[in-house]
Amino acid sequence: MQPIKKILVIRLSSIGDIVLTTPLLRSLQTAWPEVRIDYCTKAPFVSLLVENPRLSGIYTLEAPPSGHYDLVVDLQNNFRSNAIVRSLHKQRLVHYRKVNWKKWLLVHYKINLYGTYRSVADRYRDAVKEFGISGDTLGCELYPSSSERAFASTYFDKGQKTLALCFGAKHFTKRYPPRNFAELLTLLLSETPLQVLLLGGKEDAPQASEIMNALPDALRPMVINLAGSCSLMQTAAILERSDAVLCNDTGLMHIASAFGKKMFLLFGSSSASFGFLPCHASYDLFQVEGLGCRPCSHIGRDRCPKGHFRCMNDLSQSVIARKILDYLKKSG
């Protein structure tokens, strides 16, 4: 086999999945220090990769890669990525095996054949195991720019602890209800001086407003609503500076993990077995054990199919608040 000098990695979406590919990029560069690594993703996610020093070129569906590659690593493995692969001259091609049948069995029949937990980041590395690529325990990587870090710094000049709250998620069944978040924040802020930053995209702004409106008037000045007012990597830079992160199962959870943040995770319809817990980062996981309808989907739903939404509503605000308070006190 000819030497590996040029590699293309393909992962088109979404935030968390792309962040979880970064350990593989590190492993590829470690195995072949002189290799050129290119990456193809969807345009909205380019910012996650543009400052990554391990990458030489970034391509999109609108401006796809071309020419020859010694190795193509297709981590998307769908019709769009297959079309890109077919357009290239390549020496070797490997795919990520999604094992969707295991997801289907767990969702529909609650039969769990995943075995011992393995992060999706490790499963991505399996795609190149034939090359003897070894892993590490360094976790994910993200690289905010100096301007993005300067933007974030303006929210950290008060000399107090900061809790980042990533309250959104694409699907309803992955979102802790806004009023529940407000009750949780009320417990926290009534006991300790704390700055809370609400983080999310423009699509999350309505839930942020619900949280703010449900807070007692006296506590609102301690909470800053940044939903929809920061770019993705400005949000990443804020997470990098925060003391702890409270979040749903969402892409921002994986961004926070890239900075080694202590996380407090709220899992509703999600299942850890799917492999999307934070990669080599510290977390406390809150979920309703023994609920027979979990998981109801491997990606989330727009409504609770049972109507009760117990997977989120039964999570105790007081238990979560106590865990966060204990951590903040111990961390000095």
C-alpha atoms as a PDB file:
ATOM      1  CA  MET A   1       0.000   0.000   0.000  1.00  0.00           C
ATOM      2  CA  GLN A   2       1.239   3.478  -0.848  1.00  0.00           C
ATOM      3  CA  PRO A   3       1.999   5.907   2.004  1.00  0.00           C
ATOM      4  CA  ILE A   4      -0.916   7.889   3.430  1.00  0.00           C
ATOM      5  CA  LYS A   5      -0.211  11.537   2.632  1.00  0.00           C
ATOM      6  CA  LYS A   6      -3.658  13.002   2.062  1.00  0.00           C
ATOM      7  CA  ILE A   7      -6.859  12.175   3.952  1.00  0.00           C
ATOM      8  CA  LEU A   8     -10.436  13.382   3.606  1.00  0.00           C
ATOM      9  CA  VAL A   9     -12.822  13.049   6.575  1.00  0.00           C
ATOM     10  CA  ILE A  10     -16.542  13.438   5.870  1.00  0.00           C
ATOM     11  CA  ARG A  11     -19.101  14.254   8.566  1.00  0.00           C
ATOM     12  CA  LEU A  12     -21.855  16.515   7.309  1.00  0.00           C
ATOM     13  CA  SER A  13     -23.841  17.082  10.508  1.00  0.00           C
ATOM     14  CA  SER A  14     -24.563  17.916  13.230  1.00  0.00           C
ATOM     15  CA  ILE A  15     -22.849  19.899  16.020  1.00  0.00           C
ATOM     16  CA  GLY A  16     -22.299  17.085  18.500  1.00  0.00           C
ATOM     17  CA  ASP A  17     -21.380  14.516  15.872  1.00  0.00           C
ATOM     18  CA  ILE A  18     -18.783  16.833  14.344  1.00  0.00           C
ATOM     19  CA  VAL A  19     -17.222  17.680  17.709  1.00  0.00           C
ATOM     20  CA  LEU A  20     -17.015  13.944  18.411  1.00  0.00           C
ATOM     21  CA  THR A  21     -14.887  13.453  15.270  1.00  0.00           C
ATOM     22  CA  THR A  22     -12.075  15.626  16.629  1.00  0.00           C
ATOM     23  CA  PRO A  23     -10.392  12.826  18.649  1.00  0.00           C
ATOM     24  CA  LEU A  24     -10.115  10.886  15.390  1.00  0.00           C
ATOM     25  CA  LEU A  25      -8.457  13.863  13.676  1.00  0.00           C
ATOM     26  CA  ARG A  26      -5.901  13.900  16.487  1.00  0.00           C
ATOM     27  CA  SER A  27      -5.314  10.160  16.141  1.00  0.00           C
ATOM     28  CA  LEU A  28      -4.829  10.428  12.382  1.00  0.00           C
ATOM     29  CA  GLN A  29      -2.262  13.199  12.793  1.00  0.00           C
ATOM     30  CA  THR A  30      -0.483  11.237  15.521  1.00  0.00           C
ATOM     31  CA  ALA A  31      -0.274   8.166  13.270  1.00  0.00           C
ATOM     32  CA  TRP A  32       0.911  10.164  10.235  1.00  0.00           C
ATOM     33  CA  PRO A  33       2.484  13.446  11.458  1.00  0.00           C
ATOM     34  CA  GLU A  34       3.101  14.797   7.945  1.00  0.00           C
ATOM     35  CA  VAL A  35      -0.341  13.941   6.563  1.00  0.00           C
ATOM     36  CA  ARG A  36      -2.678  16.528   5.054  1.00  0.00           C
ATOM     37  CA  ILE A  37      -6.183  16.188   6.496  1.00  0.00           C
ATOM     38  CA  ASP A  38      -9.165  17.782   4.759  1.00  0.00           C
ATOM     39  CA  TYR A  39     -12.721  17.806   6.059  1.00  0.00           C
ATOM     40  CA  CYS A  40     -16.116  18.020   4.377  1.00  0.00           C
ATOM     41  CA  THR A  41     -19.187  19.173   6.309  1.00  0.00           C
ATOM     42  CA  LYS A  42     -22.299  21.289   5.852  1.00  0.00           C
ATOM     43  CA  ALA A  43     -21.751  25.044   5.655  1.00  0.00           C
ATOM     44  CA  PRO A  44     -23.416  25.922   9.024  1.00  0.00           C
ATOM     45  CA  PHE A  45     -20.845  23.797  10.866  1.00  0.00           C
ATOM     46  CA  VAL A  46     -17.638  25.061   9.238  1.00  0.00           C
ATOM     47  CA  SER A  47     -16.999  27.392  12.185  1.00  0.00           C
ATOM     48  CA  LEU A  48     -16.474  24.369  14.443  1.00  0.00           C
ATOM     49  CA  LEU A  49     -13.452  23.373  12.378  1.00  0.00           C
ATOM     50  CA  VAL A  50     -11.994  26.489  10.783  1.00  0.00           C
ATOM     51  CA  GLU A  51      -9.419  27.137  13.546  1.00  0.00           C
ATOM     52  CA  ASN A  52      -8.504  23.472  14.032  1.00  0.00           C
ATOM     53  CA  PRO A  53      -4.734  23.265  13.430  1.00  0.00           C
ATOM     54  CA  ARG A  54      -4.984  19.620  12.381  1.00  0.00           C
ATOM     55  CA  LEU A  55      -6.945  20.490   9.238  1.00  0.00           C
ATOM     56  CA  SER A  56      -5.555  21.824   5.990  1.00  0.00           C
ATOM     57  CA  GLY A  57      -8.771  22.324   4.037  1.00  0.00           C
ATOM     58  CA  ILE A  58     -12.493  22.470   4.780  1.00  0.00           C
ATOM     59  CA  TYR A  59     -15.131  21.755   2.149  1.00  0.00           C
ATOM     60  CA  THR A  60     -18.924  21.896   2.021  1.00  0.00           C
ATOM     61  CA  LEU A  61     -21.734  20.445  -0.072  1.00  0.00           C
ATOM     62  CA  GLU A  62     -21.776  23.700  -2.040  1.00  0.00           C
ATOM     63  CA  ALA A  63     -17.990  23.631  -2.549  1.00  0.00           C
ATOM     64  CA  PRO A  64     -17.106  19.919  -2.360  1.00  0.00           C
ATOM     65  CA  PRO A  65     -13.646  18.398  -2.386  1.00  0.00           C
ATOM     66  CA  SER A  66     -12.169  17.055  -5.593  1.00  0.00           C
ATOM     67  CA  GLY A  67      -9.103  15.259  -6.861  1.00  0.00           C
ATOM     68  CA  HIS A  68      -7.134  12.430  -5.291  1.00  0.00           C
ATOM     69  CA  TYR A  69      -7.022  11.211  -1.686  1.00  0.00           C
ATOM     70  CA  ASP A  70      -4.957   8.374  -0.292  1.00  0.00           C
ATOM     71  CA  LEU A  71      -7.649   7.716   2.301  1.00  0.00           C
ATOM     72  CA  VAL A  72     -11.280   8.812   2.559  1.00  0.00           C
ATOM     73  CA  VAL A  73     -12.963   8.330   5.951  1.00  0.00           C
ATOM     74  CA  ASP A  74     -16.733   8.597   5.496  1.00  0.00           C
ATOM     75  CA  LEU A  75     -18.224   9.063   8.965  1.00  0.00           C
ATOM     76  CA  GLN A  76     -21.623  10.140   7.601  1.00  0.00           C
ATOM     77  CA  ASN A  77     -22.239   7.133   5.376  1.00  0.00           C
ATOM     78  CA  ASN A  78     -25.434   8.306   3.679  1.00  0.00           C
ATOM     79  CA  PHE A  79     -26.467   9.125   0.114  1.00  0.00           C
ATOM     80  CA  ARG A  80     -24.967  12.653   0.245  1.00  0.00           C
ATOM     81  CA  SER A  81     -21.601  11.504   1.514  1.00  0.00           C
ATOM     82  CA  ASN A  82     -21.624   8.564  -0.894  1.00  0.00           C
ATOM     83  CA  ALA A  83     -22.130  11.001  -3.773  1.00  0.00           C
ATOM     84  CA  ILE A  84     -19.074  12.970  -2.650  1.00  0.00           C
ATOM     85  CA  VAL A  85     -17.044   9.781  -2.357  1.00  0.00           C
ATOM     86  CA  ARG A  86     -17.992   8.670  -5.879  1.00  0.00           C
ATOM     87  CA  SER A  87     -16.729  11.960  -7.314  1.00  0.00           C
ATOM     88  CA  LEU A  88     -13.217  11.474  -5.904  1.00  0.00           C
ATOM     89  CA  HIS A  89     -10.131   9.586  -6.978  1.00  0.00           C
ATOM     90  CA  LYS A  90      -9.231   7.549  -3.908  1.00  0.00           C
ATOM     91  CA  GLN A  91      -6.819   4.834  -2.957  1.00  0.00           C
ATOM     92  CA  ARG A  92      -8.649   3.614   0.146  1.00  0.00           C
ATOM     93  CA  LEU A  93     -12.165   4.186   1.491  1.00  0.00           C
ATOM     94  CA  VAL A  94     -13.526   3.338   4.941  1.00  0.00           C
ATOM     95  CA  HIS A  95     -16.987   3.919   6.419  1.00  0.00           C
ATOM     96  CA  TYR A  96     -18.434   4.416   9.867  1.00  0.00           C
ATOM     97  CA  ARG A  97     -20.787   1.572  10.730  1.00  0.00           C
ATOM     98  CA  LYS A  98     -23.902   3.082  12.295  1.00  0.00           C
ATOM     99  CA  VAL A  99     -25.472  -0.195  13.576  1.00  0.00           C
ATOM    100  CA  ASN A 100     -28.917   1.355  13.214  1.00  0.00           C
ATOM    101  CA  TRP A 101     -30.509  -2.023  13.906  1.00  0.00           C
ATOM    102  CA  LYS A 102     -29.304  -1.792  17.520  1.00  0.00           C
ATOM    103  CA  LYS A 103     -30.928   1.627  17.852  1.00  0.00           C
ATOM    104  CA  TRP A 104     -34.156   0.218  16.413  1.00  0.00           C
ATOM    105  CA  LEU A 105     -34.234  -2.707  18.841  1.00  0.00           C
ATOM    106  CA  LEU A 106     -33.588  -0.449  21.832  1.00  0.00           C
ATOM    107  CA  VAL A 107     -36.217   2.123  20.844  1.00  0.00           C
ATOM    108  CA  HIS A 108     -38.973  -0.244  19.779  1.00  0.00           C
ATOM    109  CA  TYR A 109     -38.424  -3.314  21.963  1.00  0.00           C
ATOM    110  CA  LYS A 110     -36.127  -2.015  24.738  1.00  0.00           C
ATOM    111  CA  ILE A 111     -33.596  -4.700  23.834  1.00  0.00           C
ATOM    112  CA  ASN A 112     -30.127  -3.288  24.505  1.00  0.00           C
ATOM    113  CA  LEU A 113     -27.385  -5.045  22.550  1.00  0.00           C
ATOM    114  CA  TYR A 114     -24.819  -2.262  22.841  1.00  0.00           C
ATOM    115  CA  GLY A 115     -22.956  -3.921  25.702  1.00  0.00           C
ATOM    116  CA  THR A 116     -20.333  -1.952  27.600  1.00  0.00           C
ATOM    117  CA  TYR A 117     -20.634   1.782  26.970  1.00  0.00           C
ATOM    118  CA  ARG A 118     -18.502   3.153  24.143  1.00  0.00           C
ATOM    119  CA  SER A 119     -18.475   6.758  23.013  1.00  0.00           C
ATOM    120  CA  VAL A 120     -19.351   7.527  19.410  1.00  0.00           C
ATOM    121  CA  ALA A 121     -15.884   9.109  19.279  1.00  0.00           C
ATOM    122  CA  ASP A 122     -14.392   5.640  19.844  1.00  0.00           C
ATOM    123  CA  ARG A 123     -16.788   4.093  17.334  1.00  0.00           C
ATOM    124  CA  TYR A 124     -15.603   6.621  14.746  1.00  0.00           C
ATOM    125  CA  ARG A 125     -12.067   5.428  15.360  1.00  0.00           C
ATOM    126  CA  ASP A 126     -13.175   1.880  14.577  1.00  0.00           C
ATOM    127  CA  ALA A 127     -13.507   2.972  10.953  1.00  0.00           C
ATOM    128  CA  VAL A 128      -9.706   3.146  10.690  1.00  0.00           C
ATOM    129  CA  LYS A 129      -8.768   0.261  13.001  1.00  0.00           C
ATOM    130  CA  GLU A 130      -7.285  -1.678  10.069  1.00  0.00           C
ATOM    131  CA  PHE A 131      -4.495   0.927  10.000  1.00  0.00           C
ATOM    132  CA  GLY A 132      -3.598   0.306  13.645  1.00  0.00           C
ATOM    133  CA  ILE A 133      -4.791   3.754  14.725  1.00  0.00           C
ATOM    134  CA  SER A 134      -4.756   3.960  18.518  1.00  0.00           C
ATOM    135  CA  GLY A 135      -6.846   6.180  20.749  1.00  0.00           C
ATOM    136  CA  ASP A 136      -6.197   8.295  23.825  1.00  0.00           C
ATOM    137  CA  THR A 137      -8.146   9.819  26.704  1.00  0.00           C
ATOM    138  CA  LEU A 138      -7.741  13.482  25.782  1.00  0.00           C
ATOM    139  CA  GLY A 139     -11.338  14.037  24.690  1.00  0.00           C
ATOM    140  CA  CYS A 140     -12.655  16.397  22.037  1.00  0.00           C
ATOM    141  CA  GLU A 141     -11.028  19.570  20.730  1.00  0.00           C
ATOM    142  CA  LEU A 142     -12.321  23.003  19.737  1.00  0.00           C
ATOM    143  CA  TYR A 143     -10.387  26.173  18.987  1.00  0.00           C
ATOM    144  CA  PRO A 144     -12.193  29.509  19.426  1.00  0.00           C
ATOM    145  CA  SER A 145     -10.439  32.421  17.736  1.00  0.00           C
ATOM    146  CA  SER A 146      -8.894  35.294  19.661  1.00  0.00           C
ATOM    147  CA  SER A 147     -11.839  37.534  18.713  1.00  0.00           C
ATOM    148  CA  GLU A 148     -14.335  34.949  19.937  1.00  0.00           C
ATOM    149  CA  ARG A 149     -12.467  34.642  23.230  1.00  0.00           C
ATOM    150  CA  ALA A 150     -12.381  38.448  23.533  1.00  0.00           C
ATOM    151  CA  PHE A 151     -16.154  38.509  23.049  1.00  0.00           C
ATOM    152  CA  ALA A 152     -16.614  35.900  25.781  1.00  0.00           C
ATOM    153  CA  SER A 153     -14.326  37.716  28.217  1.00  0.00           C
ATOM    154  CA  THR A 154     -16.786  40.611  28.562  1.00  0.00           C
ATOM    155  CA  TYR A 155     -19.101  38.323  30.558  1.00  0.00           C
ATOM    156  CA  PHE A 156     -16.459  37.235  33.051  1.00  0.00           C
ATOM    157  CA  ASP A 157     -15.297  40.421  34.733  1.00  0.00           C
ATOM    158  CA  LYS A 158     -17.471  40.243  37.864  1.00  0.00           C
ATOM    159  CA  GLY A 159     -15.303  37.881  39.861  1.00  0.00           C
ATOM    160  CA  GLN A 160     -18.120  35.455  40.571  1.00  0.00           C
ATOM    161  CA  LYS A 161     -18.915  31.880  39.604  1.00  0.00           C
ATOM    162  CA  THR A 162     -20.651  31.395  36.272  1.00  0.00           C
ATOM    163  CA  LEU A 163     -23.055  28.621  35.358  1.00  0.00           C
ATOM    164  CA  ALA A 164     -23.734  28.186  31.646  1.00  0.00           C
ATOM    165  CA  LEU A 165     -27.243  26.910  30.970  1.00  0.00           C
ATOM    166  CA  CYS A 166     -27.712  25.164  27.612  1.00  0.00           C
ATOM    167  CA  PHE A 167     -31.481  24.797  27.812  1.00  0.00           C
ATOM    168  CA  GLY A 168     -32.306  24.052  24.175  1.00  0.00           C
ATOM    169  CA  ALA A 169     -32.382  21.003  21.943  1.00  0.00           C
ATOM    170  CA  LYS A 170     -33.751  20.407  18.484  1.00  0.00           C
ATOM    171  CA  HIS A 171     -36.473  18.015  19.650  1.00  0.00           C
ATOM    172  CA  PHE A 172     -39.048  18.594  22.388  1.00  0.00           C
ATOM    173  CA  THR A 173     -38.404  15.329  24.235  1.00  0.00           C
ATOM    174  CA  LYS A 174     -34.783  16.332  24.814  1.00  0.00           C
ATOM    175  CA  ARG A 175     -35.722  19.685  26.385  1.00  0.00           C
ATOM    176  CA  TYR A 176     -36.212  20.126  30.113  1.00  0.00           C
ATOM    177  CA  PRO A 177     -39.309  22.364  30.391  1.00  0.00           C
ATOM    178  CA  PRO A 178     -38.516  26.102  30.738  1.00  0.00           C
ATOM    179  CA  ARG A 179     -40.600  26.477  33.914  1.00  0.00           C
ATOM    180  CA  ASN A 180     -38.690  23.600  35.474  1.00  0.00           C
ATOM    181  CA  PHE A 181     -35.432  25.348  34.609  1.00  0.00           C
ATOM    182  CA  ALA A 182     -36.769  28.532  36.198  1.00  0.00           C
ATOM    183  CA  GLU A 183     -37.633  26.651  39.396  1.00  0.00           C
ATOM    184  CA  LEU A 184     -34.183  25.061  39.400  1.00  0.00           C
ATOM    185  CA  LEU A 185     -32.457  28.426  38.932  1.00  0.00           C
ATOM    186  CA  THR A 186     -34.565  29.898  41.714  1.00  0.00           C
ATOM    187  CA  LEU A 187     -33.267  27.234  44.090  1.00  0.00           C
ATOM    188  CA  LEU A 188     -29.674  27.870  43.028  1.00  0.00           C
ATOM    189  CA  LEU A 189     -29.752  31.658  43.047  1.00  0.00           C
ATOM    190  CA  SER A 190     -31.598  31.842  46.356  1.00  0.00           C
ATOM    191  CA  GLU A 191     -28.698  30.056  48.033  1.00  0.00           C
ATOM    192  CA  THR A 192     -25.547  31.341  46.364  1.00  0.00           C
ATOM    193  CA  PRO A 193     -24.379  34.407  44.394  1.00  0.00           C
ATOM    194  CA  LEU A 194     -24.004  33.122  40.878  1.00  0.00           C
ATOM    195  CA  GLN A 195     -24.045  34.419  37.332  1.00  0.00           C
ATOM    196  CA  VAL A 196     -26.136  32.331  34.935  1.00  0.00           C
ATOM    197  CA  LEU A 197     -25.725  32.649  31.176  1.00  0.00           C
ATOM    198  CA  LEU A 198     -28.524  31.292  28.968  1.00  0.00           C
ATOM    199  CA  LEU A 199     -26.934  29.912  25.797  1.00  0.00           C
ATOM    200  CA  GLY A 200     -28.625  28.821  22.593  1.00  0.00           C
ATOM    201  CA  GLY A 201     -29.446  29.765  19.039  1.00  0.00           C
ATOM    202  CA  LYS A 202     -32.176  31.983  17.639  1.00  0.00           C
ATOM    203  CA  GLU A 203     -34.481  28.980  17.515  1.00  0.00           C
ATOM    204  CA  ASP A 204     -34.101  28.659  21.302  1.00  0.00           C
ATOM    205  CA  ALA A 205     -35.049  32.273  22.067  1.00  0.00           C
ATOM    206  CA  PRO A 206     -38.713  31.527  22.899  1.00  0.00           C
ATOM    207  CA  GLN A 207     -37.694  29.022  25.586  1.00  0.00           C
ATOM    208  CA  ALA A 208     -35.161  31.517  26.976  1.00  0.00           C
ATOM    209  CA  SER A 209     -37.922  34.101  27.302  1.00  0.00           C
ATOM    210  CA  GLU A 210     -40.082  31.560  29.124  1.00  0.00           C
ATOM    211  CA  ILE A 211     -37.281  30.905  31.601  1.00  0.00           C
ATOM    212  CA  MET A 212     -36.680  34.608  32.204  1.00  0.00           C
ATOM    213  CA  ASN A 213     -40.382  35.395  32.613  1.00  0.00           C
ATOM    214  CA  ALA A 214     -40.851  32.576  35.124  1.00  0.00           C
ATOM    215  CA  LEU A 215     -38.025  33.780  37.388  1.00  0.00           C
ATOM    216  CA  PRO A 216     -38.779  35.927  40.447  1.00  0.00           C
ATOM    217  CA  ASP A 217     -38.145  39.615  39.714  1.00  0.00           C
ATOM    218  CA  ALA A 218     -35.367  39.792  42.309  1.00  0.00           C
ATOM    219  CA  LEU A 219     -33.361  37.037  40.623  1.00  0.00           C
ATOM    220  CA  ARG A 220     -33.566  38.130  36.999  1.00  0.00           C
ATOM    221  CA  PRO A 221     -30.515  40.443  37.178  1.00  0.00           C
ATOM    222  CA  MET A 222     -28.397  37.373  37.976  1.00  0.00           C
ATOM    223  CA  VAL A 223     -29.384  35.701  34.692  1.00  0.00           C
ATOM    224  CA  ILE A 224     -28.174  36.964  31.307  1.00  0.00           C
ATOM    225  CA  ASN A 225     -30.114  35.800  28.262  1.00  0.00           C
ATOM    226  CA  LEU A 226     -27.675  35.342  25.362  1.00  0.00           C
ATOM    227  CA  ALA A 227     -29.870  33.032  23.282  1.00  0.00           C
ATOM    228  CA  GLY A 228     -29.678  34.053  19.652  1.00  0.00           C
ATOM    229  CA  SER A 229     -27.143  36.818  20.241  1.00  0.00           C
ATOM    230  CA  CYS A 230     -23.911  34.783  19.947  1.00  0.00           C
ATOM    231  CA  SER A 231     -22.358  32.883  17.087  1.00  0.00           C
ATOM    232  CA  LEU A 232     -21.722  29.186  17.614  1.00  0.00           C
ATOM    233  CA  MET A 233     -18.043  29.690  18.392  1.00  0.00           C
ATOM    234  CA  GLN A 234     -18.690  32.747  20.550  1.00  0.00           C
ATOM    235  CA  THR A 235     -20.923  30.422  22.552  1.00  0.00           C
ATOM    236  CA  ALA A 236     -18.078  27.903  22.636  1.00  0.00           C
ATOM    237  CA  ALA A 237     -15.742  30.569  24.000  1.00  0.00           C
ATOM    238  CA  ILE A 238     -18.252  31.365  26.751  1.00  0.00           C
ATOM    239  CA  LEU A 239     -18.492  27.680  27.653  1.00  0.00           C
ATOM    240  CA  GLU A 240     -14.683  27.564  27.782  1.00  0.00           C
ATOM    241  CA  ARG A 241     -14.701  30.238  30.507  1.00  0.00           C
ATOM    242  CA  SER A 242     -17.683  28.970  32.533  1.00  0.00           C
ATOM    243  CA  ASP A 243     -17.260  27.213  35.870  1.00  0.00           C
ATOM    244  CA  ALA A 244     -19.904  24.570  35.191  1.00  0.00           C
ATOM    245  CA  VAL A 245     -22.511  23.712  32.580  1.00  0.00           C
ATOM    246  CA  LEU A 246     -26.121  22.610  33.048  1.00  0.00           C
ATOM    247  CA  CYS A 247     -27.465  21.183  29.820  1.00  0.00           C
ATOM    248  CA  ASN A 248     -29.827  18.952  27.946  1.00  0.00           C
ATOM    249  CA  ASP A 249     -28.573  16.299  25.542  1.00  0.00           C
ATOM    250  CA  THR A 250     -27.563  18.756  22.848  1.00  0.00           C
ATOM    251  CA  GLY A 251     -24.645  19.808  20.681  1.00  0.00           C
ATOM    252  CA  LEU A 252     -23.539  22.431  23.200  1.00  0.00           C
ATOM    253  CA  MET A 253     -22.984  19.598  25.673  1.00  0.00           C
ATOM    254  CA  HIS A 254     -20.272  18.214  23.398  1.00  0.00           C
ATOM    255  CA  ILE A 255     -18.794  21.668  22.844  1.00  0.00           C
ATOM    256  CA  ALA A 256     -18.510  22.085  26.623  1.00  0.00           C
ATOM    257  CA  SER A 257     -16.869  18.672  26.899  1.00  0.00           C
ATOM    258  CA  ALA A 258     -14.104  19.843  24.550  1.00  0.00           C
ATOM    259  CA  PHE A 259     -13.005  22.281  27.272  1.00  0.00           C
ATOM    260  CA  GLY A 260     -13.185  19.761  30.098  1.00  0.00           C
ATOM    261  CA  LYS A 261     -16.085  21.539  31.778  1.00  0.00           C
ATOM    262  CA  LYS A 262     -17.939  19.933  34.662  1.00  0.00           C
ATOM    263  CA  MET A 263     -21.395  19.150  33.287  1.00  0.00           C
ATOM    264  CA  PHE A 264     -24.771  18.414  34.798  1.00  0.00           C
ATOM    265  CA  LEU A 265     -26.765  16.529  32.192  1.00  0.00           C
ATOM    266  CA  LEU A 266     -30.526  16.186  31.900  1.00  0.00           C
ATOM    267  CA  PHE A 267     -31.534  13.204  29.777  1.00  0.00           C
ATOM    268  CA  GLY A 268     -35.194  12.780  28.880  1.00  0.00           C
ATOM    269  CA  SER A 269     -35.914  10.556  25.891  1.00  0.00           C
ATOM    270  CA  SER A 270     -32.169  10.062  25.408  1.00  0.00           C
ATOM    271  CA  SER A 271     -30.288   6.890  26.248  1.00  0.00           C
ATOM    272  CA  ALA A 272     -26.613   6.788  27.165  1.00  0.00           C
ATOM    273  CA  SER A 273     -26.317   3.518  25.234  1.00  0.00           C
ATOM    274  CA  PHE A 274     -26.394   5.426  21.941  1.00  0.00           C
ATOM    275  CA  GLY A 275     -22.881   6.663  22.764  1.00  0.00           C
ATOM    276  CA  PHE A 276     -23.393  10.395  23.121  1.00  0.00           C
ATOM    277  CA  LEU A 277     -22.300  11.065  26.672  1.00  0.00           C
ATOM    278  CA  PRO A 278     -19.489  13.656  26.997  1.00  0.00           C
ATOM    279  CA  CYS A 279     -16.237  12.189  25.743  1.00  0.00           C
ATOM    280  CA  HIS A 280     -13.604  11.948  28.502  1.00  0.00           C
ATOM    281  CA  ALA A 281     -15.135  14.794  30.504  1.00  0.00           C
ATOM    282  CA  SER A 282     -16.612  14.960  34.002  1.00  0.00           C
ATOM    283  CA  TYR A 283     -20.395  14.918  34.352  1.00  0.00           C
ATOM    284  CA  ASP A 284     -23.324  14.066  36.589  1.00  0.00           C
ATOM    285  CA  LEU A 285     -26.193  12.468  34.703  1.00  0.00           C
ATOM    286  CA  PHE A 286     -29.806  12.951  35.757  1.00  0.00           C
ATOM    287  CA  GLN A 287     -32.399  10.624  34.254  1.00  0.00           C
ATOM    288  CA  VAL A 288     -35.555   8.826  35.351  1.00  0.00           C
ATOM    289  CA  GLU A 289     -34.565   5.224  35.977  1.00  0.00           C
ATOM    290  CA  GLY A 290     -36.906   2.346  35.254  1.00  0.00           C
ATOM    291  CA  LEU A 291     -39.200   4.294  32.944  1.00  0.00           C
ATOM    292  CA  GLY A 292     -40.385   1.705  30.439  1.00  0.00           C
ATOM    293  CA  CYS A 293     -40.982   4.137  27.588  1.00  0.00           C
ATOM    294  CA  ARG A 294     -37.372   5.372  27.499  1.00  0.00           C
ATOM    295  CA  PRO A 295     -35.899   5.746  24.973  1.00  0.00           C
ATOM    296  CA  CYS A 296     -38.805   6.604  22.696  1.00  0.00           C
ATOM    297  CA  SER A 297     -36.475   7.688  19.880  1.00  0.00           C
ATOM    298  CA  HIS A 298     -32.758   7.727  19.114  1.00  0.00           C
ATOM    299  CA  ILE A 299     -32.858  11.400  18.079  1.00  0.00           C
ATOM    300  CA  GLY A 300     -35.860  12.825  19.974  1.00  0.00           C
ATOM    301  CA  ARG A 301     -39.502  13.597  19.212  1.00  0.00           C
ATOM    302  CA  ASP A 302     -41.641  16.698  18.805  1.00  0.00           C
ATOM    303  CA  ARG A 303     -43.985  15.515  21.574  1.00  0.00           C
ATOM    304  CA  CYS A 304     -44.169  12.874  24.271  1.00  0.00           C
ATOM    305  CA  PRO A 305     -45.888   9.843  22.685  1.00  0.00           C
ATOM    306  CA  LYS A 306     -47.365   8.903  26.086  1.00  0.00           C
ATOM    307  CA  GLY A 307     -48.535  12.409  26.908  1.00  0.00           C
ATOM    308  CA  HIS A 308     -47.049  12.533  30.424  1.00  0.00           C
ATOM    309  CA  PHE A 309     -43.431  13.512  29.617  1.00  0.00           C
ATOM    310  CA  ARG A 310     -42.311  11.850  32.835  1.00  0.00           C
ATOM    311  CA  CYS A 311     -38.754  11.390  31.532  1.00  0.00           C
ATOM    312  CA  MET A 312     -38.245  15.128  32.075  1.00  0.00           C
ATOM    313  CA  ASN A 313     -41.035  16.152  34.452  1.00  0.00           C
ATOM    314  CA  ASP A 314     -39.991  13.599  37.076  1.00  0.00           C
ATOM    315  CA  LEU A 315     -36.450  14.949  37.343  1.00  0.00           C
ATOM    316  CA  SER A 316     -36.081  16.651  40.733  1.00  0.00           C
ATOM    317  CA  GLN A 317     -35.031  20.294  40.684  1.00  0.00           C
ATOM    318  CA  SER A 318     -33.892  20.098  44.322  1.00  0.00           C
ATOM    319  CA  VAL A 319     -31.639  17.093  43.677  1.00  0.00           C
ATOM    320  CA  ILE A 320     -30.067  18.737  40.630  1.00  0.00           C
ATOM    321  CA  ALA A 321     -29.609  22.048  42.440  1.00  0.00           C
ATOM    322  CA  ARG A 322     -27.931  20.376  45.400  1.00  0.00           C
ATOM    323  CA  LYS A 323     -25.430  18.597  43.139  1.00  0.00           C
ATOM    324  CA  ILE A 324     -24.541  21.850  41.389  1.00  0.00           C
ATOM    325  CA  LEU A 325     -24.218  23.789  44.643  1.00  0.00           C
ATOM    326  CA  ASP A 326     -22.027  21.094  46.191  1.00  0.00           C
ATOM    327  CA  TYR A 327     -19.720  21.142  43.183  1.00  0.00           C
ATOM    328  CA  LEU A 328     -19.408  24.929  43.092  1.00  0.00           C
ATOM    329  CA  LYS A 329     -18.607  25.033  46.803  1.00  0.00           C
ATOM    330  CA  LYS A 330     -15.942  22.318  46.501  1.00  0.00           C
ATOM    331  CA  SER A 331     -14.361  23.947  43.428  1.00  0.00           C
ATOM    332  CA  GLY A 332     -13.557  27.072  45.479  1.00  0.00           C
END
